[in-house]
């Protein structure tokens, strides 16, 4: 499972959930955040996912960003944009765990 961090026009940041698919706009710098090795059923795994997303947002938002305020806004938007994708990753992990339990 991968979360992709991208930025458009060096200011507007977005995070797009990706299962091995890059963002469609080739002009955006992209950072993929791999979370497939994390146990998203526990707090430690979720915290590590958030740390990785924040780190990727910081790296992407440093590209061609001159002013601190623009970098800060970019990072904030990128991290906020990742919230729904992180929630989807957690929900998928929970669904997979329930499916495994039901099949026993």
N, C-alpha and C. Protein backbone atom coordinates (compact mmCIF):
# COMPACT_ATOMS: atom_id res chain seq x y z
N UNK A 1 0.84 -1.16 0.00
CA UNK A 1 0.00 0.00 0.00
C UNK A 1 0.89 1.23 0.00
N UNK A 2 0.56 2.20 -0.83
CA UNK A 2 1.37 3.38 -0.99
C UNK A 2 0.50 4.62 -0.97
N UNK A 3 0.97 5.65 -0.34
CA UNK A 3 0.34 6.97 -0.38
C UNK A 3 1.29 7.85 -1.17
N UNK A 4 0.79 8.59 -2.13
CA UNK A 4 1.64 9.42 -2.98
C UNK A 4 1.48 10.88 -2.62
N UNK A 5 2.59 11.56 -2.37
CA UNK A 5 2.58 12.98 -2.05
C UNK A 5 3.00 13.74 -3.29
N UNK A 6 2.20 14.70 -3.71
CA UNK A 6 2.55 15.48 -4.88
C UNK A 6 2.22 16.94 -4.65
N UNK A 7 2.80 17.80 -5.50
CA UNK A 7 2.54 19.23 -5.41
C UNK A 7 2.36 19.78 -6.81
N UNK A 8 1.42 20.69 -6.98
CA UNK A 8 1.14 21.30 -8.27
C UNK A 8 1.45 22.79 -8.18
N UNK A 9 2.18 23.28 -9.15
CA UNK A 9 2.53 24.71 -9.25
C UNK A 9 3.32 25.18 -8.04
N UNK A 10 4.05 24.29 -7.41
CA UNK A 10 4.94 24.59 -6.30
C UNK A 10 4.25 25.22 -5.10
N UNK A 11 2.92 25.22 -5.06
CA UNK A 11 2.23 25.79 -3.92
C UNK A 11 1.10 24.88 -3.44
N UNK A 12 0.21 24.47 -4.34
CA UNK A 12 -0.96 23.69 -3.96
C UNK A 12 -0.57 22.24 -3.80
N UNK A 13 -0.58 21.73 -2.60
CA UNK A 13 -0.15 20.37 -2.34
C UNK A 13 -1.35 19.46 -2.16
N UNK A 14 -1.20 18.22 -2.64
CA UNK A 14 -2.24 17.22 -2.44
C UNK A 14 -1.57 15.89 -2.16
N UNK A 15 -2.30 15.01 -1.54
CA UNK A 15 -1.85 13.64 -1.37
C UNK A 15 -2.90 12.76 -2.00
N UNK A 16 -2.48 11.87 -2.86
CA UNK A 16 -3.40 10.98 -3.54
C UNK A 16 -3.10 9.55 -3.14
N UNK A 17 -4.10 8.85 -2.65
CA UNK A 17 -3.89 7.45 -2.30
C UNK A 17 -3.57 6.70 -3.58
N UNK A 18 -2.60 5.84 -3.50
CA UNK A 18 -2.15 5.14 -4.69
C UNK A 18 -1.83 3.70 -4.36
N UNK A 19 -2.23 2.81 -5.23
CA UNK A 19 -1.85 1.41 -5.11
C UNK A 19 -0.89 1.11 -6.23
N UNK A 20 0.25 1.76 -6.20
CA UNK A 20 1.26 1.57 -7.22
C UNK A 20 1.06 2.43 -8.46
N UNK A 21 0.15 3.40 -8.40
CA UNK A 21 -0.12 4.26 -9.54
C UNK A 21 0.35 5.67 -9.21
N UNK A 22 1.13 6.26 -10.10
CA UNK A 22 1.61 7.62 -9.91
C UNK A 22 0.48 8.61 -10.17
N UNK A 23 0.63 9.84 -9.67
CA UNK A 23 -0.32 10.90 -9.98
C UNK A 23 -0.33 11.12 -11.49
N UNK A 24 -1.48 11.48 -12.03
CA UNK A 24 -1.61 11.57 -13.48
C UNK A 24 -0.90 12.78 -14.08
N UNK A 25 -0.67 13.81 -13.30
CA UNK A 25 -0.02 15.03 -13.80
C UNK A 25 1.49 14.89 -13.63
N UNK A 26 2.21 14.71 -14.74
CA UNK A 26 3.65 14.50 -14.69
C UNK A 26 4.43 15.73 -14.26
N UNK A 27 3.79 16.91 -14.19
CA UNK A 27 4.49 18.12 -13.78
C UNK A 27 4.64 18.23 -12.27
N UNK A 28 3.98 17.38 -11.52
CA UNK A 28 4.03 17.43 -10.07
C UNK A 28 5.19 16.61 -9.53
N UNK A 29 5.98 17.19 -8.63
CA UNK A 29 6.94 16.35 -7.92
C UNK A 29 6.16 15.35 -7.07
N UNK A 30 6.62 14.13 -6.99
CA UNK A 30 5.88 13.07 -6.30
C UNK A 30 6.76 12.38 -5.29
N UNK A 31 6.20 12.11 -4.15
CA UNK A 31 6.84 11.28 -3.13
C UNK A 31 5.86 10.18 -2.76
N UNK A 32 6.27 8.95 -2.94
CA UNK A 32 5.43 7.84 -2.52
C UNK A 32 5.82 7.47 -1.10
N UNK A 33 4.81 7.19 -0.31
CA UNK A 33 5.00 6.80 1.08
C UNK A 33 4.49 5.38 1.22
N UNK A 34 5.41 4.44 1.38
CA UNK A 34 5.04 3.04 1.50
C UNK A 34 4.60 2.76 2.93
N UNK A 35 3.41 2.19 3.08
CA UNK A 35 2.89 1.85 4.41
C UNK A 35 2.52 0.38 4.51
N UNK A 36 2.83 -0.38 3.48
CA UNK A 36 2.47 -1.80 3.47
C UNK A 36 3.19 -2.62 4.52
N UNK A 37 4.29 -2.11 5.04
CA UNK A 37 5.04 -2.84 6.06
C UNK A 37 4.60 -2.49 7.47
N UNK A 38 3.62 -1.62 7.61
CA UNK A 38 3.19 -1.17 8.93
C UNK A 38 1.94 -1.90 9.39
N UNK A 39 1.85 -2.12 10.69
CA UNK A 39 0.64 -2.67 11.27
C UNK A 39 -0.25 -1.49 11.65
N UNK A 40 -1.22 -1.18 10.79
CA UNK A 40 -2.07 -0.03 11.01
C UNK A 40 -3.20 -0.32 11.99
N UNK A 41 -3.18 -1.50 12.58
CA UNK A 41 -4.17 -1.85 13.59
C UNK A 41 -3.76 -1.37 14.98
N UNK A 42 -2.51 -0.91 15.11
CA UNK A 42 -2.08 -0.40 16.41
C UNK A 42 -1.57 1.03 16.29
N UNK A 43 -1.49 1.70 17.43
CA UNK A 43 -1.13 3.12 17.46
C UNK A 43 0.29 3.37 16.95
N UNK A 44 1.21 2.46 17.23
CA UNK A 44 2.59 2.64 16.77
C UNK A 44 2.67 2.64 15.25
N UNK A 45 1.95 1.75 14.59
CA UNK A 45 1.93 1.70 13.13
C UNK A 45 1.29 2.94 12.54
N UNK A 46 0.22 3.39 13.15
CA UNK A 46 -0.46 4.60 12.67
C UNK A 46 0.42 5.84 12.85
N UNK A 47 1.11 5.90 13.97
CA UNK A 47 2.01 7.04 14.22
C UNK A 47 3.16 7.05 13.21
N UNK A 48 3.68 5.87 12.88
CA UNK A 48 4.76 5.79 11.89
C UNK A 48 4.26 6.21 10.52
N UNK A 49 3.02 5.83 10.17
CA UNK A 49 2.46 6.26 8.90
C UNK A 49 2.37 7.78 8.85
N UNK A 50 1.89 8.40 9.91
CA UNK A 50 1.80 9.85 9.96
C UNK A 50 3.18 10.49 9.87
N UNK A 51 4.17 9.92 10.53
CA UNK A 51 5.52 10.45 10.46
C UNK A 51 6.04 10.41 9.03
N UNK A 52 5.81 9.30 8.34
CA UNK A 52 6.27 9.15 6.96
C UNK A 52 5.59 10.15 6.03
N UNK A 53 4.29 10.35 6.22
CA UNK A 53 3.55 11.30 5.38
C UNK A 53 4.05 12.72 5.63
N UNK A 54 4.26 13.07 6.89
CA UNK A 54 4.77 14.41 7.21
C UNK A 54 6.15 14.62 6.60
N UNK A 55 6.98 13.61 6.69
CA UNK A 55 8.33 13.71 6.13
C UNK A 55 8.27 13.89 4.61
N UNK A 56 7.40 13.14 3.94
CA UNK A 56 7.25 13.26 2.49
C UNK A 56 6.72 14.65 2.12
N UNK A 57 5.76 15.14 2.90
CA UNK A 57 5.21 16.48 2.62
C UNK A 57 6.29 17.54 2.76
N UNK A 58 7.14 17.40 3.76
CA UNK A 58 8.23 18.36 3.95
C UNK A 58 9.19 18.32 2.77
N UNK A 59 9.51 17.13 2.30
CA UNK A 59 10.43 17.01 1.15
C UNK A 59 9.81 17.60 -0.11
N UNK A 60 8.56 17.27 -0.39
CA UNK A 60 7.89 17.76 -1.59
C UNK A 60 7.73 19.28 -1.54
N UNK A 61 7.37 19.79 -0.41
CA UNK A 61 7.09 21.23 -0.30
C UNK A 61 8.36 22.07 -0.26
N UNK A 62 9.51 21.48 -0.13
CA UNK A 62 10.75 22.23 -0.21
C UNK A 62 11.18 22.46 -1.65
N UNK A 63 10.55 21.76 -2.59
CA UNK A 63 10.88 21.90 -4.01
C UNK A 63 10.38 23.25 -4.51
N UNK A 64 11.29 24.06 -5.01
CA UNK A 64 10.96 25.35 -5.63
C UNK A 64 10.12 26.26 -4.74
N UNK A 65 10.25 26.14 -3.48
CA UNK A 65 9.52 27.01 -2.55
C UNK A 65 10.49 28.03 -1.98
N UNK A 66 10.26 29.30 -2.21
CA UNK A 66 11.17 30.33 -1.75
C UNK A 66 10.81 30.83 -0.36
N UNK A 67 9.56 31.15 -0.13
CA UNK A 67 9.14 31.77 1.12
C UNK A 67 8.73 30.73 2.15
N UNK A 68 9.08 31.00 3.40
CA UNK A 68 8.72 30.10 4.50
C UNK A 68 7.21 29.92 4.57
N UNK A 69 6.46 31.00 4.41
CA UNK A 69 4.99 30.91 4.50
C UNK A 69 4.42 29.97 3.45
N UNK A 70 4.97 30.01 2.24
CA UNK A 70 4.50 29.11 1.18
C UNK A 70 4.83 27.67 1.53
N UNK A 71 6.02 27.42 2.04
CA UNK A 71 6.40 26.05 2.44
C UNK A 71 5.47 25.56 3.55
N UNK A 72 5.23 26.41 4.52
CA UNK A 72 4.38 26.02 5.65
C UNK A 72 2.96 25.69 5.18
N UNK A 73 2.41 26.56 4.30
CA UNK A 73 1.06 26.32 3.79
C UNK A 73 1.02 25.03 2.97
N UNK A 74 2.02 24.82 2.14
CA UNK A 74 2.11 23.61 1.32
C UNK A 74 2.12 22.36 2.21
N UNK A 75 2.97 22.37 3.21
CA UNK A 75 3.06 21.22 4.12
C UNK A 75 1.75 20.97 4.84
N UNK A 76 1.15 22.05 5.34
CA UNK A 76 -0.11 21.92 6.07
C UNK A 76 -1.19 21.32 5.17
N UNK A 77 -1.29 21.81 3.94
CA UNK A 77 -2.30 21.30 3.00
C UNK A 77 -2.01 19.85 2.61
N UNK A 78 -0.74 19.53 2.42
CA UNK A 78 -0.38 18.17 2.03
C UNK A 78 -0.73 17.18 3.14
N UNK A 79 -0.41 17.54 4.37
CA UNK A 79 -0.69 16.65 5.50
C UNK A 79 -2.20 16.53 5.72
N UNK A 80 -2.92 17.64 5.62
CA UNK A 80 -4.38 17.60 5.76
C UNK A 80 -5.00 16.76 4.65
N UNK A 81 -4.45 16.89 3.44
CA UNK A 81 -4.97 16.11 2.33
C UNK A 81 -4.75 14.63 2.49
N UNK A 82 -3.76 14.26 3.28
CA UNK A 82 -3.46 12.85 3.50
C UNK A 82 -4.39 12.20 4.50
N UNK A 83 -5.09 13.00 5.28
CA UNK A 83 -5.92 12.46 6.37
C UNK A 83 -6.91 11.41 5.87
N UNK A 84 -7.63 11.70 4.79
CA UNK A 84 -8.62 10.74 4.31
C UNK A 84 -7.95 9.48 3.75
N UNK A 85 -6.78 9.65 3.11
CA UNK A 85 -6.09 8.49 2.58
C UNK A 85 -5.52 7.62 3.71
N UNK A 86 -5.05 8.27 4.78
CA UNK A 86 -4.57 7.50 5.93
C UNK A 86 -5.73 6.76 6.59
N UNK A 87 -6.88 7.43 6.68
CA UNK A 87 -8.07 6.77 7.24
C UNK A 87 -8.48 5.58 6.38
N UNK A 88 -8.38 5.73 5.06
CA UNK A 88 -8.71 4.62 4.16
C UNK A 88 -7.74 3.46 4.35
N UNK A 89 -6.45 3.76 4.54
CA UNK A 89 -5.47 2.70 4.75
C UNK A 89 -5.76 1.95 6.04
N UNK A 90 -6.14 2.67 7.09
CA UNK A 90 -6.48 2.04 8.37
C UNK A 90 -7.73 1.19 8.22
N UNK A 91 -8.75 1.72 7.54
CA UNK A 91 -9.99 0.97 7.33
C UNK A 91 -9.73 -0.30 6.54
N UNK A 92 -8.86 -0.21 5.54
CA UNK A 92 -8.52 -1.39 4.75
C UNK A 92 -7.80 -2.43 5.61
N UNK A 93 -6.90 -1.99 6.46
CA UNK A 93 -6.20 -2.92 7.37
C UNK A 93 -7.19 -3.59 8.31
N UNK A 94 -8.14 -2.82 8.83
CA UNK A 94 -9.15 -3.39 9.72
C UNK A 94 -10.04 -4.38 8.99
N UNK A 95 -10.43 -4.05 7.77
CA UNK A 95 -11.26 -4.96 6.96
C UNK A 95 -10.52 -6.26 6.68
N UNK A 96 -9.25 -6.15 6.32
CA UNK A 96 -8.45 -7.35 6.06
C UNK A 96 -8.33 -8.21 7.31
N UNK A 97 -8.16 -7.58 8.47
CA UNK A 97 -8.07 -8.32 9.72
C UNK A 97 -9.39 -9.03 10.02
N UNK A 98 -10.51 -8.35 9.81
CA UNK A 98 -11.81 -8.97 10.03
C UNK A 98 -12.06 -10.12 9.07
N UNK A 99 -11.64 -9.96 7.83
CA UNK A 99 -11.80 -11.01 6.83
C UNK A 99 -10.98 -12.24 7.20
N UNK A 100 -9.78 -12.01 7.68
CA UNK A 100 -8.93 -13.14 8.13
C UNK A 100 -9.57 -13.86 9.29
N UNK A 101 -10.12 -13.12 10.25
CA UNK A 101 -10.76 -13.75 11.40
C UNK A 101 -12.01 -14.52 10.99
N UNK A 102 -12.78 -13.97 10.06
CA UNK A 102 -14.01 -14.63 9.61
C UNK A 102 -13.74 -15.90 8.83
N UNK A 103 -12.58 -15.97 8.18
CA UNK A 103 -12.28 -17.13 7.36
C UNK A 103 -11.66 -18.27 8.15
N UNK A 104 -11.43 -18.06 9.42
CA UNK A 104 -10.84 -19.14 10.26
C UNK A 104 -11.87 -20.13 10.71
